[in-house]
Amino acid sequence: MKPISNFFFHIKKISVKRAAVMTAFILASSACLSGCSGKNAVKQGDKPVVKETTPYDGKEYLEESSLTEAGKDLAAAAAEFTPINNFDTELSVPTYITKVDDTWFIVDCYHNRVIYSKELGAPLTSWLIMSSEATQPHTMASDGHVYVIDDTENNRVLIYEKEADKYLLTQRFNDIGTRPHYTVYDKDTDTFYVWSSITGELFCFRREASTNRVYLTDKRVISCLDGIYVRSFSIIDGDIYFVSGVSDSAPDSKILKCNLETLEIEKEYPVPDELAGMVQLTKAGKGFLITISTDKAGAQDKATIVQTDSLEALSKGKYTDVYADHFIGGGTPYYISNVDDTFFLTEHRIKGHSIWSFKVDDKDITDVTAIY
């Protein structure tokens, strides 16, 4: 996204006093690999127990949102609101695309907006603007009731709701880590997870069904990722995986598999230096796809997509570079999303090839199409 030196500047600005603050969220006596720890685990034997998810009642939380005027009276705000058309004919560093119900959404990061349309592939000027309040947003997630956007450069989370086919900003959360830019709704835990990309903090939000009010219900910390630029996580089979990140003083590069409830590390997967600056890990077919933004030194010309059968194989060099074979290479692949049986890739640095669709059959990548 930004030049890697700018990210290191962000990292250097983080106060060393943060560690003292974070200890309130970390069990000092917890032992795990490489001295990295997460929030206290509820344990039965050696396996942390994940609490059973029940509908959220809005009673126990760390913080409640601040309501906008639309949040106080959604119907009245919708009656006075008229959506406007997107006014750019091209995307500027799109980072994410998804579909909720019958509507497509694109996070157009450097245009500082999220746009939506019923028709994928329609001219961009026919799309409507959902959000223009965020500065360089990266992702959006929805449970079908509320829409959560990471407001990256303002360290905020914005909540939107739909009323009469209009999307309105109803809630805000401030001080959400440093540069939050990966947000996921996990149906199994009925939780929105927002990742602070530099501080090793995972913010957990839940929606109270009768009011649609969203609350910050938990903040989980993985201490060894504080100060390392980690672009995303993936929830796979109930565990959470953090991709390898880089900083000017990063330790050996590795993917971390953690317990979702506690962030206790369950396994580490070392990765070679050329794959260190990962963007995202995606389970696809019988293997994994990993988008790479830079190598360990921050060289963006090393950006690519690799495919592997197992994460253990990465350190042995057992992976296949699939970027040049299936996509017009030379850009920077970013996030991959999945809608039904189709994957979608966003990328930047290549004019006219910023969103792709493709399918994965077993390990074969097929039906590659440039949409925008």
Protein backbone atom coordinates (compact mmCIF):
# COMPACT_ATOMS: atom_id res chain seq x y z
CA MET A 1 0.00 0.00 0.00
CA LYS A 2 2.25 2.86 1.19
CA PRO A 3 6.01 2.68 0.62
CA ILE A 4 7.44 0.28 3.14
CA SER A 5 9.57 3.00 4.70
CA ASN A 6 6.39 4.85 5.67
CA PHE A 7 5.14 1.80 7.54
CA PHE A 8 8.42 1.57 9.43
CA PHE A 9 7.97 5.22 10.35
CA HIS A 10 4.54 4.37 11.78
CA ILE A 11 6.08 1.51 13.71
CA LYS A 12 8.88 3.64 15.16
CA LYS A 13 6.35 6.17 16.42
CA ILE A 14 4.69 3.59 18.65
CA SER A 15 5.64 4.37 22.22
CA VAL A 16 7.65 1.86 24.16
CA LYS A 17 5.21 2.56 26.97
CA ARG A 18 2.59 0.58 25.01
CA ALA A 19 4.04 -2.63 26.36
CA ALA A 20 3.21 -1.57 29.88
CA VAL A 21 -0.36 -0.78 28.89
CA MET A 22 -0.77 -4.04 27.04
CA THR A 23 0.16 -6.10 30.05
CA ALA A 24 -3.32 -5.42 31.35
CA PHE A 25 -4.51 -7.69 28.57
CA ILE A 26 -1.77 -10.34 28.71
CA LEU A 27 -1.19 -12.99 31.32
CA ALA A 28 2.42 -12.42 32.27
CA SER A 29 2.96 -16.00 33.32
CA SER A 30 1.56 -17.51 30.12
CA ALA A 31 4.20 -19.47 28.28
CA CYS A 32 4.11 -20.02 24.54
CA LEU A 33 6.38 -20.23 21.54
CA SER A 34 9.06 -17.58 21.08
CA GLY A 35 7.89 -15.74 24.19
CA CYS A 36 4.68 -14.67 22.46
CA SER A 37 1.47 -14.68 24.42
CA GLY A 38 -2.23 -14.02 24.11
CA LYS A 39 -5.10 -13.35 26.47
CA ASN A 40 -5.72 -15.84 29.30
CA ALA A 41 -6.97 -19.19 28.14
CA VAL A 42 -9.73 -21.18 29.78
CA LYS A 43 -8.13 -24.59 29.68
CA GLN A 44 -9.29 -28.15 29.93
CA GLY A 45 -6.15 -30.25 29.89
CA ASP A 46 -3.87 -28.73 27.28
CA LYS A 47 -6.57 -27.48 24.90
CA PRO A 48 -8.15 -24.02 25.45
CA VAL A 49 -11.93 -24.24 25.55
CA VAL A 50 -13.85 -21.91 23.24
CA LYS A 51 -16.96 -20.58 24.94
CA GLU A 52 -20.26 -21.44 23.32
CA THR A 53 -21.64 -18.51 21.38
CA THR A 54 -25.06 -17.22 22.38
CA PRO A 55 -26.98 -14.24 20.97
CA TYR A 56 -25.48 -11.06 22.34
CA ASP A 57 -27.67 -9.24 24.88
CA GLY A 58 -25.79 -5.92 24.93
CA LYS A 59 -24.97 -6.15 28.63
CA GLU A 60 -21.27 -6.93 29.00
CA TYR A 61 -18.88 -4.87 26.93
CA LEU A 62 -15.68 -2.84 26.99
CA GLU A 63 -17.09 0.11 25.08
CA GLU A 64 -20.28 1.19 23.40
CA SER A 65 -20.33 3.13 20.17
CA SER A 66 -21.09 6.80 19.77
CA LEU A 67 -24.29 7.23 17.80
CA THR A 68 -24.64 9.57 14.84
CA GLU A 69 -27.85 11.47 14.18
CA ALA A 70 -28.83 8.68 11.77
CA GLY A 71 -28.15 6.18 14.53
CA LYS A 72 -30.64 7.97 16.76
CA ASP A 73 -33.42 7.99 14.14
CA LEU A 74 -32.58 5.82 11.14
CA ALA A 75 -35.93 6.09 9.37
CA ALA A 76 -35.97 9.89 9.53
CA ALA A 77 -32.38 10.12 8.29
CA ALA A 78 -33.10 7.75 5.40
CA ALA A 79 -36.09 9.83 4.32
CA GLU A 80 -33.85 12.87 3.91
CA PHE A 81 -30.86 11.05 2.37
CA THR A 82 -30.20 10.71 -1.35
CA PRO A 83 -27.32 8.43 -2.44
CA ILE A 84 -24.92 9.88 -4.98
CA ASN A 85 -23.17 8.17 -7.85
CA ASN A 86 -19.52 7.29 -7.80
CA PHE A 87 -17.75 9.96 -9.87
CA ASP A 88 -14.50 8.20 -10.84
CA THR A 89 -14.15 6.09 -13.95
CA GLU A 90 -11.27 4.06 -12.46
CA LEU A 91 -10.48 2.58 -9.08
CA SER A 92 -7.55 3.86 -7.05
CA VAL A 93 -5.94 0.99 -5.12
CA PRO A 94 -9.03 -1.13 -4.46
CA THR A 95 -8.38 -3.44 -1.54
CA TYR A 96 -11.50 -5.54 -1.10
CA ILE A 97 -14.62 -6.73 -2.91
CA THR A 98 -17.53 -8.67 -1.44
CA LYS A 99 -21.22 -9.33 -1.85
CA VAL A 100 -23.93 -9.03 0.80
CA ASP A 101 -27.34 -10.38 -0.18
CA ASP A 102 -27.81 -9.10 -3.75
CA THR A 103 -25.41 -6.16 -3.57
CA TRP A 104 -21.71 -5.90 -4.44
CA PHE A 105 -19.32 -3.68 -2.50
CA ILE A 106 -15.84 -2.44 -3.46
CA VAL A 107 -13.50 -0.79 -0.98
CA ASP A 108 -11.77 1.85 -3.12
CA CYS A 109 -8.99 2.62 -0.68
CA TYR A 110 -7.17 5.61 -2.14
CA HIS A 111 -10.43 7.25 -3.18
CA ASN A 112 -11.45 7.06 0.49
CA ARG A 113 -14.76 5.41 -0.20
CA VAL A 114 -16.81 2.24 -0.38
CA ILE A 115 -19.09 1.89 -3.39
CA TYR A 116 -21.93 -0.52 -4.15
CA SER A 117 -23.95 -1.87 -7.06
CA LYS A 118 -26.42 -4.63 -7.87
CA GLU A 119 -24.44 -5.42 -11.03
CA LEU A 120 -20.80 -6.52 -10.94
CA GLY A 121 -19.02 -5.26 -14.05
CA ALA A 122 -21.26 -2.23 -14.47
CA PRO A 123 -19.47 1.06 -15.27
CA LEU A 124 -17.95 2.45 -12.10
CA THR A 125 -19.81 5.73 -12.51
CA SER A 126 -23.10 3.84 -12.16
CA TRP A 127 -22.10 2.51 -8.74
CA LEU A 128 -23.35 4.41 -5.69
CA ILE A 129 -21.25 5.69 -2.79
CA MET A 130 -21.91 3.90 0.47
CA SER A 131 -19.18 5.58 2.51
CA SER A 132 -16.90 8.55 2.02
CA GLU A 133 -16.25 9.18 5.72
CA ALA A 134 -13.28 6.81 6.07
CA THR A 135 -9.68 7.64 5.16
CA GLN A 136 -8.08 4.82 3.21
CA PRO A 137 -10.44 2.04 4.34
CA HIS A 138 -9.26 -1.47 3.50
CA THR A 139 -12.12 -3.91 4.14
CA MET A 140 -15.80 -4.16 4.95
CA ALA A 141 -17.74 -6.97 6.63
CA SER A 142 -21.43 -7.55 7.28
CA ASP A 143 -23.70 -9.95 9.13
CA GLY A 144 -26.60 -8.87 6.92
CA HIS A 145 -27.77 -6.30 9.46
CA VAL A 146 -24.87 -3.93 10.03
CA TYR A 147 -21.86 -3.13 7.86
CA VAL A 148 -18.48 -2.62 9.54
CA ILE A 149 -15.74 -0.60 7.82
CA ASP A 150 -12.20 -0.12 9.09
CA ASP A 151 -11.32 3.59 8.91
CA THR A 152 -7.60 2.90 8.66
CA GLU A 153 -5.86 6.25 8.83
CA ASN A 154 -8.23 7.60 11.50
CA ASN A 155 -7.84 4.50 13.71
CA ARG A 156 -11.60 4.10 13.80
CA VAL A 157 -14.36 1.64 13.00
CA LEU A 158 -17.52 2.87 11.28
CA ILE A 159 -20.89 1.11 11.43
CA TYR A 160 -23.49 1.47 8.68
CA GLU A 161 -27.07 0.30 8.48
CA LYS A 162 -29.40 -0.15 5.55
CA GLU A 163 -32.80 1.56 5.50
CA ALA A 164 -35.03 1.87 2.43
CA ASP A 165 -32.17 0.69 0.18
CA LYS A 166 -29.92 3.42 1.57
CA TYR A 167 -26.77 2.98 3.66
CA LEU A 168 -26.26 5.39 6.53
CA LEU A 169 -23.49 5.85 9.07
CA THR A 170 -25.06 5.13 12.47
CA GLN A 171 -22.19 4.36 14.87
CA ARG A 172 -18.50 5.09 15.40
CA PHE A 173 -15.70 3.62 17.50
CA ASN A 174 -12.55 5.68 18.01
CA ASP A 175 -9.04 4.66 19.12
CA ILE A 176 -9.09 1.22 17.52
CA GLY A 177 -5.38 0.42 17.63
CA THR A 178 -3.05 1.73 14.94
CA ARG A 179 -4.06 1.51 11.28
CA PRO A 180 -6.82 -1.11 11.60
CA HIS A 181 -7.32 -2.58 8.17
CA TYR A 182 -8.68 -6.08 8.18
CA THR A 183 -12.24 -6.82 9.28
CA VAL A 184 -14.10 -10.15 9.25
CA TYR A 185 -17.52 -11.28 10.41
CA ASP A 186 -17.35 -14.84 11.74
CA LYS A 187 -20.77 -16.50 11.80
CA ASP A 188 -19.72 -19.31 14.13
CA THR A 189 -18.84 -16.88 16.93
CA ASP A 190 -21.28 -14.16 15.83
CA THR A 191 -18.45 -11.65 16.11
CA PHE A 192 -16.82 -8.97 13.99
CA TYR A 193 -13.02 -9.11 14.30
CA VAL A 194 -10.99 -5.99 13.46
CA TRP A 195 -7.21 -6.25 13.30
CA SER A 196 -4.92 -3.37 14.28
CA SER A 197 -2.18 -3.94 11.73
CA ILE A 198 0.80 -2.70 13.77
CA THR A 199 -0.03 -3.22 17.46
CA GLY A 200 -0.92 -6.92 17.66
CA GLU A 201 -4.47 -6.16 18.86
CA LEU A 202 -7.64 -7.93 17.75
CA PHE A 203 -10.80 -5.96 18.53
CA CYS A 204 -14.02 -7.96 18.89
CA PHE A 205 -17.42 -6.42 18.20
CA ARG A 206 -20.88 -7.89 18.61
CA ARG A 207 -24.35 -6.69 17.60
CA GLU A 208 -27.33 -6.63 19.91
CA ALA A 209 -30.15 -7.97 17.72
CA SER A 210 -33.14 -5.95 18.93
CA THR A 211 -31.44 -2.56 18.46
CA ASN A 212 -28.61 -3.27 15.97
CA ARG A 213 -26.36 -1.47 18.45
CA VAL A 214 -22.76 -2.70 18.11
CA TYR A 215 -20.48 -3.00 21.15
CA LEU A 216 -16.77 -3.60 21.61
CA THR A 217 -16.94 -6.75 23.71
CA ASP A 218 -13.30 -7.87 23.87
CA LYS A 219 -9.76 -6.89 22.94
CA ARG A 220 -7.28 -9.70 22.47
CA VAL A 221 -3.54 -9.20 22.22
CA ILE A 222 -0.71 -11.18 20.68
CA SER A 223 2.30 -9.47 22.14
CA CYS A 224 5.02 -10.62 19.74
CA LEU A 225 3.25 -8.92 16.82
CA ASP A 226 3.32 -5.48 18.45
CA GLY A 227 5.46 -3.29 16.18
CA ILE A 228 5.35 -5.67 13.19
CA TYR A 229 3.25 -4.74 10.18
CA VAL A 230 0.84 -7.67 9.78
CA ARG A 231 -1.72 -7.08 7.06
CA SER A 232 -4.41 -9.67 7.84
CA PHE A 233 -5.59 -12.84 9.51
CA SER A 234 -7.68 -15.81 8.40
CA ILE A 235 -10.15 -17.87 10.43
CA ILE A 236 -9.87 -21.48 9.24
CA ASP A 237 -11.62 -24.39 10.97
CA GLY A 238 -12.07 -22.36 14.15
CA ASP A 239 -8.43 -21.25 14.45
CA ILE A 240 -6.97 -17.87 13.51
CA TYR A 241 -3.88 -17.55 11.32
CA PHE A 242 -1.77 -14.38 11.17
CA VAL A 243 0.30 -13.91 8.04
CA SER A 244 3.99 -13.15 8.14
CA GLY A 245 4.74 -9.46 8.58
CA VAL A 246 7.76 -7.21 8.26
CA SER A 247 9.39 -4.37 10.14
CA ASP A 248 12.87 -2.83 10.21
CA SER A 249 13.74 -5.09 13.15
CA ALA A 250 11.46 -8.08 12.53
CA PRO A 251 12.40 -11.50 13.87
CA ASP A 252 12.41 -14.55 11.64
CA SER A 253 9.38 -14.43 9.39
CA LYS A 254 6.57 -16.85 10.18
CA ILE A 255 2.85 -17.52 9.96
CA LEU A 256 1.22 -17.99 13.36
CA LYS A 257 -1.68 -20.34 14.03
CA CYS A 258 -3.49 -19.27 17.21
CA ASN A 259 -6.51 -20.17 19.29
CA LEU A 260 -9.24 -17.74 18.28
CA GLU A 261 -10.58 -17.34 21.81
CA THR A 262 -7.24 -16.63 23.49
CA LEU A 263 -4.68 -15.88 20.75
CA GLU A 264 -2.38 -18.44 22.37
CA ILE A 265 -0.01 -19.72 19.68
CA GLU A 266 -0.68 -23.30 18.63
CA LYS A 267 1.85 -23.56 15.82
CA GLU A 268 4.44 -21.54 13.92
CA TYR A 269 5.20 -21.89 10.21
CA PRO A 270 8.55 -20.33 9.21
CA VAL A 271 8.59 -18.73 5.76
CA PRO A 272 11.50 -17.78 3.47
CA ASP A 273 12.55 -14.14 3.27
CA GLU A 274 11.17 -13.74 -0.24
CA LEU A 275 7.64 -14.40 1.11
CA ALA A 276 7.94 -12.40 4.34
CA GLY A 277 5.72 -9.43 3.44
CA MET A 278 2.51 -11.38 3.13
CA VAL A 279 -0.88 -9.83 2.55
CA GLN A 280 -3.34 -12.69 3.00
CA LEU A 281 -3.62 -16.44 3.46
CA THR A 282 -6.61 -18.10 1.79
CA LYS A 283 -7.78 -21.71 1.92
CA ALA A 284 -8.59 -22.57 -1.70
CA GLY A 285 -9.31 -26.04 -3.03
CA LYS A 286 -6.97 -28.58 -1.50
CA GLY A 287 -4.28 -26.05 -0.65
CA PHE A 288 -3.60 -22.43 0.18
CA LEU A 289 -3.16 -19.25 -1.83
CA ILE A 290 -0.95 -16.54 -0.33
CA THR A 291 -0.68 -13.03 -1.70
CA ILE A 292 2.72 -11.39 -1.22
CA SER A 293 3.30 -7.63 -1.18
CA THR A 294 7.05 -7.48 -0.49
CA ASP A 295 10.00 -9.58 0.54
CA LYS A 296 11.58 -9.16 3.97
CA ALA A 297 13.60 -6.15 2.76
CA GLY A 298 10.41 -4.40 1.63
CA ALA A 299 10.99 -4.75 -2.12
CA GLN A 300 7.60 -4.38 -3.78
CA ASP A 301 8.85 -5.82 -7.08
CA LYS A 302 8.78 -9.20 -5.29
CA ALA A 303 4.99 -9.05 -5.06
CA THR A 304 3.33 -12.26 -6.23
CA ILE A 305 0.85 -15.04 -5.44
CA VAL A 306 2.03 -18.48 -4.34
CA GLN A 307 0.17 -21.74 -3.92
CA THR A 308 1.14 -24.52 -1.53
CA ASP A 309 -0.30 -27.81 -0.33
CA SER A 310 0.75 -27.21 3.27
CA LEU A 311 2.05 -24.34 5.34
CA GLU A 312 4.85 -26.55 6.68
CA ALA A 313 6.19 -26.84 3.14
CA LEU A 314 6.85 -23.12 2.74
CA SER A 315 10.14 -23.14 4.65
CA LYS A 316 11.35 -25.96 2.38
CA GLY A 317 10.60 -23.94 -0.74
CA LYS A 318 7.73 -26.23 -1.70
CA TYR A 319 5.36 -23.74 -3.22
CA THR A 320 4.39 -22.64 -6.73
CA ASP A 321 4.39 -19.08 -7.99
CA VAL A 322 1.04 -18.81 -9.80
CA TYR A 323 0.88 -15.06 -10.35
CA ALA A 324 2.61 -14.74 -13.71
CA ASP A 325 0.92 -17.85 -15.10
CA HIS A 326 -2.64 -16.75 -14.39
CA PHE A 327 -2.65 -12.97 -13.95
CA ILE A 328 -0.87 -10.15 -15.74
CA GLY A 329 2.14 -9.85 -13.44
CA GLY A 330 3.99 -6.82 -12.22
CA GLY A 331 1.42 -5.43 -9.82
CA THR A 332 0.80 -6.00 -6.13
CA PRO A 333 -1.87 -8.63 -5.36
CA TYR A 334 -3.75 -7.76 -2.21
CA TYR A 335 -6.81 -9.29 -0.57
CA ILE A 336 -8.69 -12.33 -1.89
CA SER A 337 -12.38 -12.75 -1.06
CA ASN A 338 -14.82 -15.53 -1.84
CA VAL A 339 -18.42 -15.34 -3.03
CA ASP A 340 -20.16 -18.68 -3.59
CA ASP A 341 -17.78 -20.71 -5.79
CA THR A 342 -15.77 -17.75 -7.10
CA PHE A 343 -12.69 -15.99 -5.70
CA PHE A 344 -11.97 -12.30 -6.19
CA LEU A 345 -8.55 -10.65 -6.13
CA THR A 346 -7.80 -6.98 -5.71
CA GLU A 347 -4.44 -5.59 -6.76
CA HIS A 348 -2.70 -2.31 -7.45
CA ARG A 349 0.16 -0.86 -9.50
CA ILE A 350 -1.37 -2.16 -12.75
CA LYS A 351 -3.65 0.25 -14.55
CA GLY A 352 -6.80 -1.44 -15.79
CA HIS A 353 -6.30 -4.68 -13.86
CA SER A 354 -7.41 -3.93 -10.33
CA ILE A 355 -10.08 -6.59 -9.68
CA TRP A 356 -10.00 -10.16 -10.94
CA SER A 357 -12.31 -13.15 -10.55
CA PHE A 358 -11.19 -16.77 -10.73
CA LYS A 359 -12.04 -20.28 -9.58
CA VAL A 360 -10.01 -23.04 -7.96
CA ASP A 361 -10.71 -26.67 -8.86
CA ASP A 362 -8.67 -28.88 -6.54
CA LYS A 363 -5.40 -27.02 -7.15
CA ASP A 364 -6.10 -25.70 -10.65
CA ILE A 365 -6.78 -21.99 -11.07
CA THR A 366 -9.37 -21.48 -13.82
CA ASP A 367 -11.73 -18.91 -15.35
CA VAL A 368 -9.45 -15.96 -14.62
CA THR A 369 -11.19 -12.74 -15.64
CA ALA A 370 -10.24 -9.10 -15.25
CA ILE A 371 -13.40 -7.30 -14.10
CA TYR A 372 -12.00 -3.78 -13.64
